[in-house]
N, C-alpha and C. Protein backbone atom coordinates (compact mmCIF):
# COMPACT_ATOMS: atom_id res chain seq x y z
N MET A 1 50.87 163.84 152.51
CA MET A 1 50.11 164.06 153.73
C MET A 1 49.83 165.56 153.88
N LYS A 2 48.64 165.89 154.24
CA LYS A 2 48.23 167.27 154.42
C LYS A 2 48.87 167.85 155.67
N ASN A 3 49.27 169.12 155.58
CA ASN A 3 49.85 169.79 156.74
C ASN A 3 48.80 170.02 157.82
N PRO A 4 49.24 170.06 159.09
CA PRO A 4 48.30 170.39 160.17
C PRO A 4 47.78 171.82 160.01
N ALA A 5 46.74 172.12 160.72
CA ALA A 5 46.16 173.48 160.70
C ALA A 5 47.10 174.45 161.41
N ASN A 6 46.93 175.72 161.12
CA ASN A 6 47.63 176.76 161.87
C ASN A 6 46.86 177.03 163.16
N TRP A 7 47.59 177.33 164.22
CA TRP A 7 46.95 177.50 165.53
C TRP A 7 45.91 178.60 165.51
N TYR A 8 46.17 179.67 164.81
CA TYR A 8 45.25 180.81 164.82
C TYR A 8 43.96 180.53 164.07
N ASP A 9 43.90 179.42 163.36
CA ASP A 9 42.67 179.03 162.67
C ASP A 9 41.77 178.14 163.53
N VAL A 10 42.31 177.57 164.61
CA VAL A 10 41.54 176.58 165.36
C VAL A 10 41.39 176.87 166.85
N TYR A 11 42.16 177.80 167.39
CA TYR A 11 42.06 178.01 168.84
C TYR A 11 40.75 178.73 169.19
N PRO A 12 40.25 178.55 170.42
CA PRO A 12 38.97 179.16 170.80
C PRO A 12 39.12 180.66 171.07
N ARG A 13 38.81 181.44 170.07
CA ARG A 13 38.94 182.90 170.18
C ARG A 13 38.00 183.49 171.22
N ASN A 14 38.42 184.63 171.76
CA ASN A 14 37.60 185.41 172.68
C ASN A 14 37.17 184.64 173.93
N THR A 15 38.05 183.74 174.38
CA THR A 15 37.81 183.01 175.63
C THR A 15 39.10 183.04 176.44
N LYS A 16 38.98 182.80 177.73
CA LYS A 16 40.18 182.73 178.58
C LYS A 16 41.09 181.60 178.09
N GLU A 17 40.47 180.47 177.78
CA GLU A 17 41.23 179.31 177.28
C GLU A 17 41.98 179.68 176.00
N GLY A 18 41.31 180.37 175.10
CA GLY A 18 41.93 180.76 173.85
C GLY A 18 43.06 181.75 174.04
N ASP A 19 42.89 182.67 174.99
CA ASP A 19 43.95 183.64 175.28
C ASP A 19 45.20 182.92 175.79
N GLU A 20 45.01 181.91 176.63
CA GLU A 20 46.14 181.14 177.15
C GLU A 20 46.81 180.34 176.04
N GLU A 21 46.01 179.73 175.18
CA GLU A 21 46.57 178.97 174.06
C GLU A 21 47.33 179.88 173.11
N ALA A 22 46.82 181.07 172.87
CA ALA A 22 47.50 182.02 172.00
C ALA A 22 48.86 182.40 172.57
N LYS A 23 48.95 182.56 173.88
CA LYS A 23 50.23 182.87 174.52
C LYS A 23 51.25 181.75 174.29
N VAL A 24 50.80 180.52 174.43
CA VAL A 24 51.69 179.37 174.24
C VAL A 24 52.16 179.30 172.78
N PHE A 25 51.24 179.44 171.85
CA PHE A 25 51.63 179.37 170.44
C PHE A 25 52.49 180.55 170.02
N THR A 26 52.23 181.71 170.58
CA THR A 26 53.08 182.86 170.27
C THR A 26 54.50 182.58 170.76
N SER A 27 54.61 181.99 171.93
CA SER A 27 55.92 181.63 172.47
C SER A 27 56.63 180.61 171.59
N LEU A 28 55.88 179.65 171.06
CA LEU A 28 56.48 178.62 170.20
C LEU A 28 56.81 179.16 168.81
N ALA A 29 55.93 179.95 168.24
CA ALA A 29 56.07 180.36 166.84
C ALA A 29 57.00 181.54 166.65
N ARG A 30 57.08 182.42 167.61
CA ARG A 30 57.84 183.66 167.41
C ARG A 30 59.14 183.72 168.18
N SER A 31 59.57 182.62 168.67
CA SER A 31 60.81 182.57 169.44
C SER A 31 62.00 182.47 168.51
N LYS A 32 63.16 182.91 168.99
CA LYS A 32 64.38 182.72 168.20
C LYS A 32 64.85 181.27 168.29
N TRP A 33 64.27 180.49 169.23
CA TRP A 33 64.57 179.08 169.34
C TRP A 33 63.43 178.26 168.75
N LYS A 34 63.78 177.22 168.01
CA LYS A 34 62.74 176.36 167.42
C LYS A 34 62.09 175.48 168.49
N TRP A 35 62.89 174.94 169.38
CA TRP A 35 62.39 174.07 170.44
C TRP A 35 62.33 174.85 171.74
N ARG A 36 61.24 174.70 172.50
CA ARG A 36 61.07 175.40 173.77
C ARG A 36 60.69 174.40 174.85
N SER A 37 61.24 174.58 176.03
CA SER A 37 60.87 173.75 177.17
C SER A 37 59.60 174.34 177.81
N VAL A 38 58.92 173.51 178.57
CA VAL A 38 57.72 173.98 179.28
C VAL A 38 58.11 175.11 180.24
N GLY A 39 59.26 174.97 180.88
CA GLY A 39 59.72 176.01 181.80
C GLY A 39 59.95 177.35 181.10
N ALA A 40 60.55 177.32 179.92
CA ALA A 40 60.79 178.55 179.16
C ALA A 40 59.47 179.18 178.72
N ILE A 41 58.53 178.34 178.29
CA ILE A 41 57.22 178.86 177.89
C ILE A 41 56.50 179.47 179.09
N ALA A 42 56.60 178.81 180.24
CA ALA A 42 55.96 179.31 181.46
C ALA A 42 56.55 180.67 181.85
N LYS A 43 57.85 180.77 181.77
CA LYS A 43 58.51 182.03 182.13
C LYS A 43 58.06 183.16 181.19
N GLU A 44 57.96 182.86 179.91
CA GLU A 44 57.57 183.88 178.93
C GLU A 44 56.10 184.26 179.01
N THR A 45 55.24 183.27 179.26
CA THR A 45 53.79 183.52 179.21
C THR A 45 53.16 183.86 180.56
N GLY A 46 53.82 183.45 181.64
CA GLY A 46 53.23 183.65 182.97
C GLY A 46 52.20 182.60 183.33
N LEU A 47 52.05 181.57 182.51
CA LEU A 47 51.09 180.50 182.78
C LEU A 47 51.73 179.41 183.63
N GLU A 48 50.90 178.66 184.33
CA GLU A 48 51.38 177.52 185.12
C GLU A 48 51.87 176.41 184.18
N LYS A 49 52.88 175.69 184.61
CA LYS A 49 53.44 174.60 183.79
C LYS A 49 52.39 173.55 183.45
N GLU A 50 51.54 173.21 184.42
CA GLU A 50 50.50 172.21 184.18
C GLU A 50 49.55 172.66 183.07
N ARG A 51 49.20 173.93 183.07
CA ARG A 51 48.30 174.45 182.02
C ARG A 51 48.98 174.38 180.66
N ILE A 52 50.25 174.72 180.62
CA ILE A 52 51.00 174.66 179.36
C ILE A 52 51.07 173.22 178.86
N GLU A 53 51.32 172.28 179.76
CA GLU A 53 51.38 170.87 179.37
C GLU A 53 50.03 170.41 178.80
N ASN A 54 48.93 170.87 179.39
CA ASN A 54 47.60 170.51 178.88
C ASN A 54 47.39 171.06 177.47
N ILE A 55 47.80 172.30 177.26
CA ILE A 55 47.66 172.91 175.93
C ILE A 55 48.54 172.17 174.92
N LEU A 56 49.77 171.89 175.29
CA LEU A 56 50.67 171.18 174.38
C LEU A 56 50.11 169.81 174.01
N TYR A 57 49.59 169.10 175.00
CA TYR A 57 49.04 167.77 174.72
C TYR A 57 47.82 167.85 173.81
N LYS A 58 46.97 168.83 174.05
CA LYS A 58 45.79 169.01 173.21
C LYS A 58 46.18 169.16 171.74
N TYR A 59 47.17 169.98 171.48
CA TYR A 59 47.58 170.23 170.10
C TYR A 59 48.59 169.21 169.57
N TYR A 60 49.24 168.49 170.46
CA TYR A 60 50.10 167.38 170.05
C TYR A 60 49.24 166.29 169.40
N LYS A 61 48.08 166.03 170.00
CA LYS A 61 47.17 165.02 169.45
C LYS A 61 46.68 165.41 168.06
N LYS A 62 46.65 166.71 167.77
CA LYS A 62 46.21 167.19 166.46
C LYS A 62 47.37 167.33 165.48
N GLY A 63 48.58 167.02 165.93
CA GLY A 63 49.76 167.12 165.06
C GLY A 63 50.27 168.53 164.88
N MET A 64 49.79 169.46 165.67
CA MET A 64 50.18 170.85 165.51
C MET A 64 51.39 171.23 166.35
N VAL A 65 51.67 170.44 167.37
CA VAL A 65 52.82 170.64 168.24
C VAL A 65 53.65 169.37 168.18
N LEU A 66 54.95 169.54 168.09
CA LEU A 66 55.85 168.39 168.01
C LEU A 66 56.74 168.33 169.24
N GLN A 67 57.06 167.11 169.64
CA GLN A 67 58.01 166.92 170.72
C GLN A 67 59.37 166.67 170.08
N ASN A 68 60.39 167.30 170.64
CA ASN A 68 61.74 167.15 170.11
C ASN A 68 62.14 165.67 170.18
N PRO A 69 62.52 165.07 169.06
CA PRO A 69 62.90 163.65 169.08
C PRO A 69 64.14 163.38 169.92
N LYS A 70 64.92 164.43 170.20
CA LYS A 70 66.15 164.27 170.98
C LYS A 70 65.97 164.65 172.45
N SER A 71 64.87 165.31 172.78
CA SER A 71 64.63 165.73 174.16
C SER A 71 63.13 165.87 174.40
N GLU A 72 62.59 164.98 175.20
CA GLU A 72 61.14 165.00 175.44
C GLU A 72 60.70 166.22 176.25
N GLU A 73 61.63 166.99 176.76
CA GLU A 73 61.31 168.20 177.51
C GLU A 73 61.03 169.39 176.61
N GLN A 74 61.32 169.26 175.31
CA GLN A 74 61.21 170.39 174.41
C GLN A 74 60.11 170.19 173.37
N TRP A 75 59.45 171.31 173.04
CA TRP A 75 58.32 171.30 172.15
C TRP A 75 58.50 172.35 171.07
N GLY A 76 57.86 172.12 169.93
CA GLY A 76 57.93 173.08 168.84
C GLY A 76 56.63 173.13 168.05
N TYR A 77 56.45 174.22 167.35
CA TYR A 77 55.28 174.42 166.49
C TYR A 77 55.58 173.79 165.14
N TRP A 78 54.65 173.04 164.57
CA TRP A 78 54.89 172.26 163.36
C TRP A 78 55.43 173.10 162.21
N ILE A 79 55.01 174.33 162.09
CA ILE A 79 55.40 175.15 160.94
C ILE A 79 56.90 175.41 160.90
N ASN A 80 57.56 175.29 162.06
CA ASN A 80 59.01 175.46 162.13
C ASN A 80 59.77 174.20 161.73
N PHE A 81 59.06 173.12 161.49
CA PHE A 81 59.70 171.83 161.21
C PHE A 81 59.07 171.12 160.01
N PRO A 82 59.06 171.73 158.84
CA PRO A 82 58.43 171.07 157.69
C PRO A 82 59.08 169.73 157.36
N GLU A 83 60.37 169.61 157.67
CA GLU A 83 61.06 168.34 157.38
C GLU A 83 60.54 167.21 158.26
N LEU A 84 60.13 167.51 159.47
CA LEU A 84 59.57 166.48 160.35
C LEU A 84 58.16 166.12 159.95
N ILE A 85 57.40 167.09 159.50
CA ILE A 85 56.03 166.83 159.06
C ILE A 85 56.03 165.93 157.83
N SER A 86 56.92 166.21 156.90
CA SER A 86 56.96 165.42 155.68
C SER A 86 57.41 163.98 155.94
N LYS A 87 58.14 163.76 157.04
CA LYS A 87 58.61 162.41 157.38
C LYS A 87 57.56 161.60 158.12
N GLN A 88 56.56 162.28 158.68
CA GLN A 88 55.53 161.56 159.42
C GLN A 88 54.74 160.69 158.44
N GLN A 89 54.59 159.45 158.80
CA GLN A 89 53.86 158.53 157.94
C GLN A 89 52.39 158.51 158.33
N LYS A 90 51.57 158.35 157.33
CA LYS A 90 50.14 158.22 157.57
C LYS A 90 49.90 156.87 158.26
N PRO A 91 49.08 156.87 159.32
CA PRO A 91 48.81 155.60 159.99
C PRO A 91 48.05 154.64 159.09
N SER A 92 48.23 153.36 159.36
CA SER A 92 47.51 152.35 158.59
C SER A 92 46.01 152.49 158.84
N ILE A 93 45.22 151.85 158.00
CA ILE A 93 43.76 151.87 158.17
C ILE A 93 43.40 151.30 159.54
N LYS A 94 44.09 150.23 159.91
CA LYS A 94 43.84 149.62 161.22
C LYS A 94 44.15 150.61 162.35
N GLN A 95 45.30 151.30 162.27
CA GLN A 95 45.67 152.26 163.30
C GLN A 95 44.70 153.44 163.33
N GLU A 96 44.26 153.90 162.16
CA GLU A 96 43.27 154.98 162.12
C GLU A 96 41.98 154.57 162.83
N ASP A 97 41.55 153.33 162.61
CA ASP A 97 40.34 152.83 163.26
C ASP A 97 40.53 152.77 164.78
N ILE A 98 41.69 152.29 165.22
CA ILE A 98 41.98 152.23 166.65
C ILE A 98 41.97 153.63 167.24
N ASN A 99 42.64 154.57 166.57
CA ASN A 99 42.69 155.95 167.06
C ASN A 99 41.29 156.56 167.15
N LYS A 100 40.47 156.31 166.12
CA LYS A 100 39.12 156.85 166.11
C LYS A 100 38.31 156.28 167.27
N ARG A 101 38.44 154.98 167.50
CA ARG A 101 37.69 154.34 168.59
C ARG A 101 38.16 154.85 169.95
N MET A 102 39.47 155.05 170.10
CA MET A 102 40.01 155.55 171.37
C MET A 102 39.53 156.97 171.63
N ASN A 103 39.45 157.79 170.59
CA ASN A 103 38.99 159.17 170.76
C ASN A 103 37.51 159.24 171.10
N MET A 104 36.73 158.24 170.69
CA MET A 104 35.30 158.23 170.94
C MET A 104 34.94 157.52 172.25
N MET A 105 35.92 156.84 172.85
CA MET A 105 35.65 156.04 174.03
C MET A 105 35.19 156.93 175.19
N VAL A 106 34.16 156.46 175.86
CA VAL A 106 33.63 157.15 177.02
C VAL A 106 34.12 156.41 178.25
N ILE A 107 34.70 157.14 179.17
CA ILE A 107 35.18 156.51 180.39
C ILE A 107 34.02 156.42 181.37
N THR A 108 33.75 155.21 181.82
CA THR A 108 32.65 154.98 182.77
C THR A 108 33.22 154.27 183.98
N PRO A 109 32.54 154.39 185.12
CA PRO A 109 33.01 153.67 186.31
C PRO A 109 32.97 152.17 186.04
N SER A 110 33.97 151.47 186.55
CA SER A 110 34.00 150.03 186.32
C SER A 110 32.92 149.35 187.18
N CYS A 111 32.41 148.28 186.65
CA CYS A 111 31.37 147.52 187.35
C CYS A 111 32.05 146.47 188.22
N SER A 112 31.44 146.16 189.32
CA SER A 112 32.00 145.13 190.20
C SER A 112 31.71 143.75 189.62
N LYS A 113 32.43 142.75 190.13
CA LYS A 113 32.24 141.38 189.65
C LYS A 113 30.82 140.88 189.88
N ASN A 114 30.19 141.40 190.91
CA ASN A 114 28.86 140.93 191.29
C ASN A 114 27.75 141.71 190.57
N SER A 115 28.11 142.56 189.67
CA SER A 115 27.13 143.38 188.96
C SER A 115 26.26 142.51 188.06
N ILE A 116 25.02 142.90 187.87
CA ILE A 116 24.12 142.12 187.03
C ILE A 116 24.21 142.54 185.57
N PHE A 117 25.07 143.46 185.25
CA PHE A 117 25.18 143.93 183.87
C PHE A 117 25.85 142.93 183.04
C-alpha cells in the first residue's frame, strides 16, 4: 500500500486555512510526543478546538492523521507511525466503490411525502 502524502505537499499554502493547518501539523510532527490531544494542540497553536477537530478530520479521511487505537482523544501524524500504516489493509473493491459514492454524494433537502418528484 502506498504511503499517504506529506502534509506540506498538500495543504493550501499562502491562505489563512493553510496557515492554521500548518500549525496543527507542526504540532503533530515536531512534538516530543507521538500522540497529541486536541487540547494540547490547541494550547500549542492558539487555535480553537473545533477548528483543530475540523483539520484533523479533513486529513484523517486522507489517511494522513491517525487516531490512537487506545485513546480516541489522541491524534498523530502518519509519518510517526509507519508500523500502523503498513498494517492498514486496502479496502475491498466494494468498499472503495461505497467510499467513492459517499464522497461524491450531494446533500439536498429532503422532499415531503406529497412531493410530485
